C-alpha atoms as a PDB file:
ATOM      1  CA  MET A   1     -17.510 -41.284   3.043  1.00  0.00           C
ATOM      2  CA  LYS A   2     -16.238 -37.692   3.126  1.00  0.00           C
ATOM      3  CA  ASP A   3     -15.594 -36.073   6.496  1.00  0.00           C
ATOM      4  CA  THR A   4     -17.620 -32.847   6.472  1.00  0.00           C
ATOM      5  CA  LEU A   5     -16.115 -31.708   9.792  1.00  0.00           C
ATOM      6  CA  ALA A   6     -12.512 -31.701   8.520  1.00  0.00           C
ATOM      7  CA  VAL A   7     -10.524 -28.525   8.970  1.00  0.00           C
ATOM      8  CA  LYS A   8      -7.283 -28.036   7.031  1.00  0.00           C
ATOM      9  CA  VAL A   9      -4.565 -26.531   9.220  1.00  0.00           C
ATOM     10  CA  ASN A  10      -1.266 -25.059   8.013  1.00  0.00           C
ATOM     11  CA  GLY A  11       1.263 -22.867   9.752  1.00  0.00           C
ATOM     12  CA  LYS A  12       4.790 -21.550   9.712  1.00  0.00           C
ATOM     13  CA  LEU A  13       7.169 -19.495  11.805  1.00  0.00           C
ATOM     14  CA  LEU A  14       9.518 -16.851  10.416  1.00  0.00           C
ATOM     15  CA  VAL A  15      12.440 -15.397  12.367  1.00  0.00           C
ATOM     16  CA  ALA A  16      14.229 -12.444  10.777  1.00  0.00           C
ATOM     17  CA  ASN A  17      17.155 -10.295  11.887  1.00  0.00           C
ATOM     18  CA  ALA A  18      15.701  -7.145  10.282  1.00  0.00           C
ATOM     19  CA  GLY A  19      12.105  -6.171  10.781  1.00  0.00           C
ATOM     20  CA  PHE A  20       9.752  -5.591   7.871  1.00  0.00           C
ATOM     21  CA  ALA A  21       6.128  -4.556   7.768  1.00  0.00           C
ATOM     22  CA  PRO A  22       3.153  -5.578   5.638  1.00  0.00           C
ATOM     23  CA  ILE A  23       2.199  -1.897   5.515  1.00  0.00           C
ATOM     24  CA  PRO A  24       5.178   0.242   4.363  1.00  0.00           C
ATOM     25  CA  ALA A  25       4.357   3.133   6.736  1.00  0.00           C
ATOM     26  CA  PHE A  26       5.275   0.900   9.689  1.00  0.00           C
ATOM     27  CA  SER A  27       8.865  -0.047  10.401  1.00  0.00           C
ATOM     28  CA  PHE A  28      10.058  -2.547  12.985  1.00  0.00           C
ATOM     29  CA  ASN A  29      13.804  -1.750  12.862  1.00  0.00           C
ATOM     30  CA  ASP A  30      14.580  -4.769  15.075  1.00  0.00           C
ATOM     31  CA  PRO A  31      14.680  -8.578  14.811  1.00  0.00           C
ATOM     32  CA  LEU A  32      11.296 -10.272  14.952  1.00  0.00           C
ATOM     33  CA  ALA A  33       9.422 -13.564  14.887  1.00  0.00           C
ATOM     34  CA  ILE A  34       6.188 -13.973  12.924  1.00  0.00           C
ATOM     35  CA  GLY A  35       3.813 -16.892  13.287  1.00  0.00           C
ATOM     36  CA  PHE A  36       1.375 -17.681  10.468  1.00  0.00           C
ATOM     37  CA  LEU A  37      -1.638 -19.977  10.722  1.00  0.00           C
ATOM     38  CA  SER A  38      -4.315 -21.018   8.232  1.00  0.00           C
ATOM     39  CA  LEU A  39      -7.544 -22.805   9.140  1.00  0.00           C
ATOM     40  CA  LYS A  40      -9.855 -23.766   6.264  1.00  0.00           C
ATOM     41  CA  LYS A  41     -13.205 -25.510   6.290  1.00  0.00           C
ATOM     42  CA  LYS A  42     -15.217 -25.784   3.099  1.00  0.00           C
ATOM     43  CA  ARG A  43     -15.674 -22.195   1.799  1.00  0.00           C
ATOM     44  CA  PHE A  44     -14.494 -20.391   4.953  1.00  0.00           C
ATOM     45  CA  SER A  45     -10.927 -19.650   6.054  1.00  0.00           C
ATOM     46  CA  TYR A  46      -9.357 -17.902   9.026  1.00  0.00           C
ATOM     47  CA  GLU A  47      -5.730 -16.808   8.546  1.00  0.00           C
ATOM     48  CA  PRO A  48      -4.168 -15.043  11.533  1.00  0.00           C
ATOM     49  CA  ASP A  49      -0.572 -13.976  11.882  1.00  0.00           C
ATOM     50  CA  PHE A  50       1.230 -12.485  14.847  1.00  0.00           C
ATOM     51  CA  ALA A  51       4.552 -10.652  14.966  1.00  0.00           C
ATOM     52  CA  LEU A  52       6.592 -10.243  18.113  1.00  0.00           C
ATOM     53  CA  GLY A  53       9.896  -8.467  18.494  1.00  0.00           C
ATOM     54  CA  LEU A  54      12.702 -10.617  19.849  1.00  0.00           C
ATOM     55  CA  ASN A  55      12.925  -7.974  22.591  1.00  0.00           C
ATOM     56  CA  GLY A  56       9.483  -9.194  23.783  1.00  0.00           C
ATOM     57  CA  LYS A  57       7.461  -6.250  22.488  1.00  0.00           C
ATOM     58  CA  PRO A  58       4.397  -6.957  20.333  1.00  0.00           C
ATOM     59  CA  TRP A  59       4.313  -5.546  16.811  1.00  0.00           C
ATOM     60  CA  ILE A  60       1.312  -6.738  14.824  1.00  0.00           C
ATOM     61  CA  THR A  61      -1.716  -8.961  14.969  1.00  0.00           C
ATOM     62  CA  ASN A  62      -3.438  -9.575  11.675  1.00  0.00           C
ATOM     63  CA  HIS A  63      -6.628 -11.617  11.118  1.00  0.00           C
ATOM     64  CA  TRP A  64      -8.083 -12.509   7.695  1.00  0.00           C
ATOM     65  CA  PHE A  65     -11.583 -13.967   7.578  1.00  0.00           C
ATOM     66  CA  ARG A  66     -12.376 -15.122   4.017  1.00  0.00           C
ATOM     67  CA  LEU A  67     -15.410 -16.693   2.369  1.00  0.00           C
ATOM     68  CA  ILE A  68     -15.615 -18.160  -1.147  1.00  0.00           C
ATOM     69  CA  ILE A  69     -18.925 -16.923  -2.564  1.00  0.00           C
ATOM     70  CA  LEU A  70     -18.647 -18.547  -6.019  1.00  0.00           C
ATOM     71  CA  LYS A  71     -16.507 -21.480  -7.135  1.00  0.00           C
ATOM     72  CA  THR A  72     -16.622 -23.088 -10.575  1.00  0.00           C
ATOM     73  CA  SER A  73     -14.001 -24.844 -12.697  1.00  0.00           C
ATOM     74  CA  VAL A  74     -13.195 -21.489 -14.314  1.00  0.00           C
ATOM     75  CA  ILE A  75     -13.634 -18.813 -11.628  1.00  0.00           C
ATOM     76  CA  ILE A  76     -13.429 -18.339  -7.876  1.00  0.00           C
ATOM     77  CA  VAL A  77     -14.897 -15.225  -6.218  1.00  0.00           C
ATOM     78  CA  ARG A  78     -14.134 -14.577  -2.574  1.00  0.00           C
ATOM     79  CA  THR A  79     -14.667 -11.841  -0.045  1.00  0.00           C
ATOM     80  CA  GLY A  80     -12.859 -11.102   3.179  1.00  0.00           C
ATOM     81  CA  ILE A  81     -12.384  -8.781   6.114  1.00  0.00           C
ATOM     82  CA  ASN A  82      -9.115  -8.067   7.921  1.00  0.00           C
ATOM     83  CA  PRO A  83      -8.972  -6.414  11.346  1.00  0.00           C
ATOM     84  CA  PHE A  84      -5.318  -5.445  11.889  1.00  0.00           C
ATOM     85  CA  LEU A  85      -3.510  -4.004  14.923  1.00  0.00           C
ATOM     86  CA  PHE A  86      -0.040  -2.440  14.881  1.00  0.00           C
ATOM     87  CA  PHE A  87       1.701  -1.825  18.211  1.00  0.00           C
ATOM     88  CA  GLU A  88       4.479   0.685  18.705  1.00  0.00           C
ATOM     89  CA  SER A  89       6.330   1.903  21.765  1.00  0.00           C
ATOM     90  CA  GLU A  90       6.519   5.621  22.369  1.00  0.00           C
ATOM     91  CA  ARG A  91       7.970   7.808  25.086  1.00  0.00           C
ATOM     92  CA  ILE A  92       5.595  10.215  26.759  1.00  0.00           C
ATOM     93  CA  PRO A  93       6.762  13.568  28.232  1.00  0.00           C
ATOM     94  CA  SER A  94       7.075  12.064  31.740  1.00  0.00           C
ATOM     95  CA  GLY A  95       9.783   9.751  30.352  1.00  0.00           C
ATOM     96  CA  ASP A  96       7.677   6.612  30.673  1.00  0.00           C
ATOM     97  CA  GLU A  97       7.179   4.305  27.729  1.00  0.00           C
ATOM     98  CA  ARG A  98       3.757   3.221  26.562  1.00  0.00           C
ATOM     99  CA  ILE A  99       2.506   0.980  23.803  1.00  0.00           C
ATOM    100  CA  HIS A 100       0.341   2.777  21.257  1.00  0.00           C
ATOM    101  CA  VAL A 101      -2.024   0.680  19.140  1.00  0.00           C
ATOM    102  CA  GLN A 102      -2.984   1.663  15.591  1.00  0.00           C
ATOM    103  CA  ARG A 103      -6.103  -0.047  14.246  1.00  0.00           C
ATOM    104  CA  ASN A 104      -6.961  -0.766  10.645  1.00  0.00           C
ATOM    105  CA  ILE A 105      -9.709  -2.726   8.905  1.00  0.00           C
ATOM    106  CA  THR A 106      -9.532  -3.882   5.299  1.00  0.00           C
ATOM    107  CA  PHE A 107     -12.193  -5.425   3.082  1.00  0.00           C
ATOM    108  CA  GLU A 108     -11.465  -7.674   0.112  1.00  0.00           C
ATOM    109  CA  LEU A 109     -13.353  -8.779  -2.973  1.00  0.00           C
ATOM    110  CA  ALA A 110     -11.135 -10.907  -5.215  1.00  0.00           C
ATOM    111  CA  THR A 111     -11.408 -13.263  -8.159  1.00  0.00           C
ATOM    112  CA  ASP A 112      -9.224 -16.019  -9.567  1.00  0.00           C
ATOM    113  CA  HIS A 113      -9.775 -17.009 -13.193  1.00  0.00           C
ATOM    114  CA  ASN A 114      -8.448 -20.139 -14.914  1.00  0.00           C
ATOM    115  CA  PHE A 115      -7.575 -19.344 -18.542  1.00  0.00           C
ATOM    116  CA  ARG A 116      -6.515 -22.922 -19.371  1.00  0.00           C
ATOM    117  CA  ARG A 117      -8.883 -25.048 -21.417  1.00  0.00           C
ATOM    118  CA  ASN A 118     -10.059 -28.472 -20.216  1.00  0.00           C
ATOM    119  CA  GLY A 119      -8.092 -28.046 -16.953  1.00  0.00           C
ATOM    120  CA  ARG A 120      -4.707 -28.610 -18.650  1.00  0.00           C
END
């Protein structure tokens, strides 16, 4: 009997000595650690990732919520939404440092098509 409550969980951790950004306008310029997670149940998936500078300052939090709306042996159609936050430190005229948060939201409609015949 199939377990209908099963959730597939995957994850990984990346540590890099030079920061990079998923959006080219942002630059980290310092070493960072990024944690990736993927939770999937039937047609729904939640895929968050978090980046933290090795100096302890937050950099990004990224959350993909995806839903497969059509799945056949030939085509998969999915939709998704991605609320994204980018944190950056900035000095204000008083000399204090504050963390400024930039928000972004992205929508996705994507398809995968299998061009192979008979599943080969």
